[in-house]
Protein backbone atom coordinates (compact mmCIF):
# COMPACT_ATOMS: atom_id res chain seq x y z
CA MET A 1 -10.49 -13.49 41.79
CA TRP A 2 -8.51 -10.70 40.19
CA ARG A 3 -8.61 -12.53 37.02
CA ALA A 4 -12.11 -12.87 36.74
CA LEU A 5 -12.75 -9.33 37.71
CA ILE A 6 -10.28 -8.30 34.84
CA SER A 7 -11.98 -10.55 32.38
CA ILE A 8 -15.37 -9.62 33.39
CA VAL A 9 -14.35 -5.81 32.94
CA LEU A 10 -12.73 -6.48 29.53
CA GLY A 11 -15.30 -8.32 28.41
CA LEU A 12 -17.83 -5.24 29.31
CA LEU A 13 -15.73 -3.05 27.57
CA LEU A 14 -15.13 -5.09 24.66
CA VAL A 15 -19.16 -5.36 24.45
CA THR A 16 -19.90 -1.72 24.62
CA ILE A 17 -16.95 -0.75 22.22
CA GLY A 18 -18.35 -3.49 19.69
CA LEU A 19 -22.13 -2.32 19.92
CA VAL A 20 -21.29 1.97 19.75
CA LEU A 21 -19.37 0.94 16.88
CA ALA A 22 -21.79 -1.41 14.90
CA LEU A 23 -24.68 0.53 15.59
CA ASP A 24 -22.82 3.70 14.91
CA TYR A 25 -23.92 5.27 18.21
CA ARG A 26 -23.32 8.91 17.51
CA GLY A 27 -21.89 8.68 14.47
CA VAL A 28 -18.98 7.16 16.56
CA ALA A 29 -17.87 4.97 13.15
CA THR A 30 -18.35 7.39 10.99
CA LYS A 31 -16.11 10.16 12.88
CA HIS A 32 -13.58 7.50 13.19
CA ILE A 33 -13.23 6.79 9.55
CA ALA A 34 -13.64 10.52 8.40
CA LEU A 35 -10.27 11.05 11.34
CA ALA A 36 -8.36 7.92 9.69
CA MET A 37 -8.91 9.44 5.55
CA SER A 38 -7.69 12.61 6.60
CA ALA A 39 -5.00 11.52 7.94
CA VAL A 40 -4.35 8.97 4.79
CA HIS A 41 -5.35 11.24 2.72
CA PRO A 42 -2.34 13.38 2.34
CA LEU A 43 -0.38 10.17 1.19
CA THR A 44 -2.21 9.68 -1.37
CA PRO A 45 -1.08 10.80 -5.53
CA SER A 46 -2.87 14.01 -6.80
CA ARG A 47 -5.63 12.78 -9.43
CA LYS A 48 -8.47 15.20 -11.05
CA LEU A 49 -10.64 16.68 -8.24
CA GLU A 50 -14.22 15.15 -9.44
CA TRP A 51 -12.85 11.85 -9.90
CA GLN A 52 -11.12 11.94 -6.47
CA ASP A 53 -14.29 13.25 -4.40
CA GLU A 54 -16.52 10.71 -6.26
CA ARG A 55 -14.08 7.61 -5.10
CA LEU A 56 -13.40 9.12 -2.00
CA VAL A 57 -17.18 8.59 -1.10
CA GLU A 58 -17.67 5.72 -2.02
CA ARG A 59 -14.69 4.58 0.15
CA ARG A 60 -15.86 6.12 3.06
CA ARG A 61 -18.85 4.13 2.59
CA ARG A 62 -17.48 0.92 2.37
CA PHE A 63 -14.60 1.95 5.03
CA VAL A 64 -17.51 2.88 7.61
CA LEU A 65 -19.46 -0.79 6.44
CA LEU A 66 -16.19 -2.24 7.44
CA ASP A 67 -15.97 -0.50 10.63
CA ARG A 68 -19.53 -1.84 11.51
CA LEU A 69 -18.64 -5.07 11.00
CA VAL A 70 -15.75 -5.23 12.88
CA GLY A 71 -17.88 -3.72 16.09
CA VAL A 72 -20.16 -6.61 15.26
CA LEU A 73 -17.37 -8.98 15.37
CA ILE A 74 -16.10 -7.80 18.80
CA VAL A 75 -19.23 -7.88 20.74
CA PRO A 76 -19.35 -11.92 20.54
CA ALA A 77 -15.66 -12.03 21.64
CA GLY A 78 -16.45 -9.36 24.76
CA LEU A 79 -19.37 -12.03 25.16
CA VAL A 80 -16.95 -14.48 25.45
CA MET A 81 -15.03 -13.01 28.03
CA LEU A 82 -17.52 -12.22 30.46
CA VAL A 83 -18.97 -15.74 30.07
CA ALA A 84 -15.15 -16.81 31.10
CA GLY A 85 -14.88 -14.23 33.66
CA GLY A 86 -18.33 -14.99 35.03
CA GLN A 87 -17.39 -18.83 35.47
CA HIS A 88 -14.13 -18.35 36.70
CA LEU A 89 -15.34 -16.16 39.32
CA LEU A 90 -18.25 -18.68 40.28
CA ARG A 91 -15.77 -21.56 40.17
CA GLY A 92 -13.08 -19.54 42.83
C-alpha cells in the first residue's frame, strides 16, 4: 500500500517538474541555466569579451532548449510511475 502511494506521489512530482521545465513556467528553465552557467563561468578560460558574449548567448540558448527537452522526457517517466502506482494500489 505504502509503495503505491509513494509511486503516485513521485509520479505526480515528476510530471509537475517535467511540465514546469518543458513549458518554462515563469522562466524556471532560463533561471536554472543562468545559475548553472554563472557557477561554471569562472572555470572557462578568458577570451576576448565580445566573442565570449556572442558565444555565451548562443550557449545559453542551446542549454535552455536542452533543459526543456529534459523536461519533456521527464513527463512520460512520471506518467509511467503514476500508472504503475495506481495499478499497484488497485490490485492490492
